[in-house]
N, C-alpha and C. Protein backbone atom coordinates (compact mmCIF):
# COMPACT_ATOMS: atom_id res chain seq x y z
N MET A 1 56.65 91.35 0.42
CA MET A 1 55.15 90.28 0.16
C MET A 1 54.58 89.55 1.87
N SER A 2 53.88 89.77 2.00
CA SER A 2 53.50 89.02 3.29
C SER A 2 53.24 87.41 3.03
N GLY A 3 53.44 86.38 3.42
CA GLY A 3 52.93 85.21 2.93
C GLY A 3 51.46 84.29 2.78
N LYS A 4 50.98 85.82 2.89
CA LYS A 4 49.42 85.29 3.15
C LYS A 4 48.77 85.04 1.37
N GLY A 5 47.95 84.54 1.50
CA GLY A 5 47.16 83.90 -0.38
C GLY A 5 47.46 82.47 -0.30
N PHE A 6 47.17 82.17 -1.26
CA PHE A 6 47.14 80.90 -2.01
C PHE A 6 48.34 80.56 -2.30
N GLY A 7 49.20 79.79 -1.21
CA GLY A 7 50.53 79.58 -1.23
C GLY A 7 50.81 77.79 -1.94
N LEU A 8 51.94 77.75 -1.71
CA LEU A 8 51.56 76.08 -2.10
C LEU A 8 51.31 75.09 -1.20
N GLY A 9 51.47 75.45 -0.08
CA GLY A 9 50.86 74.37 0.66
C GLY A 9 49.27 74.32 0.25
N LYS A 10 48.63 75.24 0.37
CA LYS A 10 47.13 75.21 -0.04
C LYS A 10 46.50 74.87 -1.34
N MET A 11 48.02 74.80 -2.21
CA MET A 11 47.28 73.93 -3.74
C MET A 11 47.43 72.83 -3.66
N LYS A 12 48.72 72.32 -2.30
CA LYS A 12 48.81 70.99 -2.76
C LYS A 12 47.62 70.42 -1.86
N GLU A 13 46.95 71.04 -0.68
CA GLU A 13 45.80 70.70 0.06
C GLU A 13 44.45 70.62 -0.94
N LEU A 14 44.53 71.42 -1.97
CA LEU A 14 43.72 71.38 -3.00
C LEU A 14 43.65 70.49 -4.08
N ALA A 15 44.62 70.38 -4.29
CA ALA A 15 45.01 69.28 -5.31
C ALA A 15 44.30 68.07 -4.68
N GLU A 16 45.05 67.57 -3.42
CA GLU A 16 44.44 66.11 -2.79
C GLU A 16 42.93 65.97 -2.94
N ALA A 17 42.09 67.67 -2.00
CA ALA A 17 40.95 67.28 -1.90
C ALA A 17 40.34 66.61 -3.62
N PHE A 18 40.81 67.40 -4.70
CA PHE A 18 40.30 67.39 -5.96
C PHE A 18 40.17 65.66 -6.59
N LYS A 19 41.57 65.80 -5.83
CA LYS A 19 42.01 64.17 -6.09
C LYS A 19 40.81 62.92 -5.25
N LYS A 20 40.63 63.27 -4.25
CA LYS A 20 39.85 62.62 -3.61
C LYS A 20 38.48 62.48 -3.71
N ALA A 21 37.82 63.56 -4.03
CA ALA A 21 36.82 63.87 -4.61
C ALA A 21 36.63 63.27 -6.02
N GLN A 22 37.54 63.02 -7.03
CA GLN A 22 37.15 62.09 -8.12
C GLN A 22 37.44 60.74 -7.83
N GLN A 23 37.80 60.19 -6.79
CA GLN A 23 37.95 58.85 -6.20
C GLN A 23 36.57 58.19 -5.57
N VAL A 24 36.09 59.19 -5.18
CA VAL A 24 34.53 59.11 -4.10
C VAL A 24 33.69 59.36 -5.48
N GLN A 25 33.88 60.19 -6.79
CA GLN A 25 33.06 60.05 -8.04
C GLN A 25 32.89 58.67 -8.69
N GLU A 26 34.00 58.35 -8.18
CA GLU A 26 34.24 57.35 -9.39
C GLU A 26 33.69 56.33 -8.35
N GLY A 27 33.92 55.98 -7.17
CA GLY A 27 33.33 54.83 -6.33
C GLY A 27 31.95 55.45 -6.20
N ALA A 28 30.79 56.11 -6.38
CA ALA A 28 30.06 56.24 -6.17
C ALA A 28 29.29 55.91 -7.20
N LYS A 29 29.57 56.34 -8.60
CA LYS A 29 29.36 55.19 -10.11
C LYS A 29 29.33 54.00 -10.07
N GLU A 30 30.48 53.20 -9.16
CA GLU A 30 30.36 51.52 -8.71
C GLU A 30 29.26 50.92 -7.58
N LEU A 31 29.27 52.13 -7.06
CA LEU A 31 28.33 51.72 -5.63
C LEU A 31 27.30 51.50 -6.54
N GLN A 32 26.55 52.41 -7.37
CA GLN A 32 25.31 52.84 -7.96
C GLN A 32 25.00 51.02 -8.36
N GLU A 33 26.49 50.89 -9.38
CA GLU A 33 25.87 50.03 -10.26
C GLU A 33 25.88 48.58 -9.20
N GLN A 34 26.24 48.24 -8.17
CA GLN A 34 26.33 47.45 -6.83
C GLN A 34 25.04 47.24 -6.05
N LEU A 35 24.16 48.43 -6.40
CA LEU A 35 23.51 48.74 -6.02
C LEU A 35 21.77 48.31 -6.70
N GLU A 36 22.22 48.69 -7.86
CA GLU A 36 20.92 48.38 -8.87
C GLU A 36 20.82 46.38 -8.65
N LYS A 37 22.36 46.08 -8.37
CA LYS A 37 21.92 44.28 -8.71
C LYS A 37 21.52 43.73 -7.58
N MET A 38 21.50 44.32 -6.23
CA MET A 38 21.37 43.66 -4.88
C MET A 38 19.92 43.55 -4.88
N GLU A 39 19.63 42.31 -3.79
CA GLU A 39 18.48 42.12 -3.34
C GLU A 39 18.02 42.54 -2.43
N ILE A 40 17.50 43.35 -1.77
CA ILE A 40 17.29 43.16 -0.31
C ILE A 40 15.67 43.01 -0.05
N GLU A 41 15.37 42.07 0.82
CA GLU A 41 14.14 41.43 1.33
C GLU A 41 13.59 42.36 2.35
N GLY A 42 12.08 42.18 2.28
CA GLY A 42 11.27 42.79 3.71
C GLY A 42 10.19 41.91 3.37
N GLN A 43 10.13 41.22 4.71
CA GLN A 43 8.99 40.48 4.60
C GLN A 43 8.19 40.79 6.38
N SER A 44 7.13 40.31 6.54
CA SER A 44 5.87 40.11 7.47
C SER A 44 5.17 39.46 7.46
N GLY A 45 4.43 38.81 8.63
CA GLY A 45 4.25 37.39 9.12
C GLY A 45 4.51 36.80 8.97
N GLY A 46 6.03 36.56 9.38
CA GLY A 46 6.73 35.36 9.83
C GLY A 46 7.01 34.66 8.18
N GLY A 47 6.99 35.32 7.29
CA GLY A 47 7.54 35.30 6.18
C GLY A 47 6.39 34.98 5.35
N LEU A 48 5.09 35.13 5.49
CA LEU A 48 3.66 34.94 4.53
C LEU A 48 3.90 35.79 3.46
N VAL A 49 4.14 37.07 3.52
CA VAL A 49 4.56 37.85 2.84
C VAL A 49 5.86 38.55 2.58
N LYS A 50 6.52 38.67 1.02
CA LYS A 50 7.70 39.25 0.95
C LYS A 50 7.96 39.92 -0.20
N VAL A 51 8.80 41.16 0.05
CA VAL A 51 8.67 42.12 -0.94
C VAL A 51 10.01 42.51 -1.20
N VAL A 52 11.00 42.21 -2.22
CA VAL A 52 11.86 42.28 -2.62
C VAL A 52 12.14 43.94 -3.48
N LEU A 53 13.78 44.46 -3.18
CA LEU A 53 13.66 45.80 -3.89
C LEU A 53 15.28 45.79 -4.54
N SER A 54 15.64 46.40 -5.19
CA SER A 54 16.93 46.43 -5.49
C SER A 54 17.63 47.09 -4.14
N GLY A 55 18.78 47.31 -4.45
CA GLY A 55 19.75 48.33 -3.26
C GLY A 55 19.29 49.93 -3.87
N ASN A 56 18.83 50.50 -4.60
CA ASN A 56 18.47 51.93 -4.41
C ASN A 56 16.88 51.53 -4.67
N GLN A 57 16.45 50.81 -4.19
CA GLN A 57 15.01 50.58 -3.92
C GLN A 57 14.00 50.46 -5.27
N GLU A 58 14.34 49.80 -5.96
CA GLU A 58 13.51 50.08 -7.03
C GLU A 58 12.74 48.28 -6.73
N PRO A 59 11.65 48.67 -6.92
CA PRO A 59 10.52 47.25 -6.48
C PRO A 59 10.63 45.95 -7.70
N LEU A 60 11.28 44.74 -6.96
CA LEU A 60 11.58 43.89 -7.74
C LEU A 60 10.48 42.65 -7.77
N ARG A 61 9.46 42.63 -7.07
CA ARG A 61 8.91 41.57 -6.71
C ARG A 61 7.90 41.67 -5.38
N THR A 62 7.43 40.85 -5.56
CA THR A 62 6.47 40.37 -4.24
C THR A 62 6.03 39.11 -4.15
N GLU A 63 5.96 38.36 -3.24
CA GLU A 63 5.78 37.22 -2.99
C GLU A 63 4.58 36.87 -1.83
N ILE A 64 3.38 36.32 -2.10
CA ILE A 64 2.58 36.27 -1.27
C ILE A 64 2.20 34.98 -0.76
N SER A 65 2.06 34.53 0.19
CA SER A 65 2.06 32.81 0.25
C SER A 65 0.07 33.05 -0.02
N ALA A 66 -0.03 31.56 0.12
CA ALA A 66 -1.64 31.05 -0.02
C ALA A 66 -2.22 31.53 1.63
N GLU A 67 -1.67 31.33 2.41
CA GLU A 67 -2.01 31.23 4.53
C GLU A 67 -2.18 33.03 3.72
N ALA A 68 -0.99 34.12 3.60
CA ALA A 68 -1.42 35.40 3.43
C ALA A 68 -2.65 35.56 2.62
N LEU A 69 -3.51 35.15 1.49
CA LEU A 69 -4.30 34.99 0.82
C LEU A 69 -5.43 34.65 1.84
N ALA A 70 -5.29 34.09 2.23
CA ALA A 70 -6.47 33.35 3.23
C ALA A 70 -6.99 34.18 4.47
N GLU A 71 -6.28 35.66 4.52
CA GLU A 71 -6.49 36.13 5.59
C GLU A 71 -7.15 37.51 5.62
N GLY A 72 -7.07 37.47 4.17
CA GLY A 72 -8.68 38.95 3.59
C GLY A 72 -7.74 39.55 3.02
N ALA A 73 -8.39 40.58 2.51
CA ALA A 73 -8.23 41.62 2.06
C ALA A 73 -7.22 42.82 3.04
N GLU A 74 -7.66 43.32 3.97
CA GLU A 74 -7.50 44.04 5.44
C GLU A 74 -6.13 43.32 5.68
N VAL A 75 -6.44 42.27 6.31
CA VAL A 75 -4.92 41.61 6.94
C VAL A 75 -3.71 41.87 5.57
N LEU A 76 -4.30 41.17 4.55
CA LEU A 76 -3.23 41.04 3.44
C LEU A 76 -2.39 42.74 3.17
N SER A 77 -3.47 43.33 3.33
CA SER A 77 -2.97 44.96 2.81
C SER A 77 -1.96 44.97 4.35
N ASP A 78 -1.81 44.91 5.33
CA ASP A 78 -1.31 45.18 6.07
C ASP A 78 -0.03 44.55 5.70
N LEU A 79 -0.13 43.29 5.82
CA LEU A 79 1.09 42.11 5.78
C LEU A 79 2.16 43.46 4.21
N VAL A 80 1.82 43.28 3.30
CA VAL A 80 2.24 44.05 2.49
C VAL A 80 2.95 45.13 2.53
N THR A 81 1.90 45.71 3.49
CA THR A 81 2.84 47.31 3.73
C THR A 81 3.81 47.07 4.51
N ALA A 82 3.12 46.11 5.75
CA ALA A 82 4.76 46.06 6.73
C ALA A 82 6.02 45.56 6.07
N ALA A 83 5.68 44.84 5.14
CA ALA A 83 6.93 44.33 4.19
C ALA A 83 7.83 45.12 3.53
N MET A 84 6.96 45.83 2.89
CA MET A 84 7.39 46.78 1.94
C MET A 84 8.41 48.07 2.73
N LYS A 85 7.98 48.17 4.25
CA LYS A 85 8.56 49.34 5.00
C LYS A 85 9.95 48.49 5.28
N GLU A 86 9.96 46.73 5.42
CA GLU A 86 11.18 46.78 6.22
C GLU A 86 11.75 46.57 5.13
N ALA A 87 11.82 46.63 3.79
CA ALA A 87 12.51 46.05 2.75
C ALA A 87 13.13 47.45 2.20
N TYR A 88 12.35 48.62 2.31
CA TYR A 88 12.49 49.62 2.13
C TYR A 88 13.68 50.46 3.38
N GLN A 89 13.69 50.09 4.72
CA GLN A 89 14.64 50.16 5.42
C GLN A 89 15.69 49.49 5.38
N LYS A 90 15.41 48.73 5.22
CA LYS A 90 16.62 47.42 4.89
C LYS A 90 17.68 48.38 3.71
N SER A 91 16.89 48.67 2.74
CA SER A 91 17.38 49.19 1.11
C SER A 91 18.01 50.58 1.54
N THR A 92 17.89 51.18 3.15
CA THR A 92 17.94 52.77 3.26
C THR A 92 19.44 52.29 3.77
N ASP A 93 19.50 51.53 4.98
CA ASP A 93 20.40 51.26 5.71
C ASP A 93 21.41 50.73 5.30
N THR A 94 21.37 50.35 3.93
CA THR A 94 22.38 49.34 2.83
C THR A 94 22.96 50.38 2.26
N MET A 95 22.17 51.64 1.68
CA MET A 95 22.52 52.70 0.96
C MET A 95 23.53 53.40 1.83
N ARG A 96 22.62 53.38 2.72
CA ARG A 96 23.50 55.12 3.43
C ARG A 96 24.59 54.26 4.29
N GLY A 97 25.16 52.75 4.29
CA GLY A 97 26.55 52.64 5.24
C GLY A 97 27.14 52.41 4.17
N ARG A 98 26.73 52.26 2.95
CA ARG A 98 27.61 52.11 1.48
C ARG A 98 28.48 53.10 1.54
N MET A 99 27.60 54.35 1.60
CA MET A 99 27.87 55.97 1.12
C MET A 99 29.02 56.43 2.17
N GLU A 100 28.40 55.88 3.35
CA GLU A 100 29.44 56.59 4.74
C GLU A 100 31.03 55.89 4.33
N GLU A 101 31.29 54.24 4.01
CA GLU A 101 32.05 53.70 3.84
C GLU A 101 32.79 54.64 2.50
N LEU A 102 32.25 54.89 1.83
CA LEU A 102 32.64 55.69 0.88
C LEU A 102 33.21 56.87 0.80
N THR A 103 32.74 57.91 1.74
CA THR A 103 33.00 58.85 1.68
C THR A 103 34.12 58.93 3.57
N SER A 104 33.85 58.19 3.96
CA SER A 104 35.23 58.10 5.15
C SER A 104 36.44 58.91 4.82
N GLY A 105 36.39 59.56 5.70
CA GLY A 105 38.36 60.00 5.74
C GLY A 105 38.14 61.54 4.85
N LEU A 106 37.14 61.99 4.20
CA LEU A 106 37.01 63.21 3.51
C LEU A 106 36.27 64.07 4.70
N ASN A 107 36.64 65.16 4.66
CA ASN A 107 36.40 65.96 5.46
C ASN A 107 35.28 67.28 4.41
N ILE A 108 34.49 66.42 3.84
CA ILE A 108 33.60 67.64 3.10
C ILE A 108 32.43 68.09 3.69
N PRO A 109 32.64 69.07 4.04
CA PRO A 109 31.37 69.77 4.64
C PRO A 109 29.72 69.42 4.18
N GLY A 110 28.94 69.21 5.23
CA GLY A 110 27.41 68.46 4.57
C GLY A 110 27.19 66.64 4.57
N LEU A 111 28.42 66.31 4.29
CA LEU A 111 28.76 64.85 4.17
C LEU A 111 28.88 64.11 5.73
């Protein structure tokens, strides 16, 4: 027999890969729970409007100051949109950063 095929070394690598994948899966579950509890704030107009999302981008609340209301509907709409965009970007960056931490050291194609 030529030493081709799936030898013990490959089996060991495969077992290690499965072990790491299981650790990532457990970590992903824990990360999801952490993201649900996070509050990430975006604001606009120097704090006139604030939007708060969870770490997994679920809207939690919006705070609109009296000063923002006095600006009128069009300006208020722009302020709310800008605050939403900032909160969304922060949430996305947080989620991406945490996933990179979780999967660091793994050589999984596509990650």
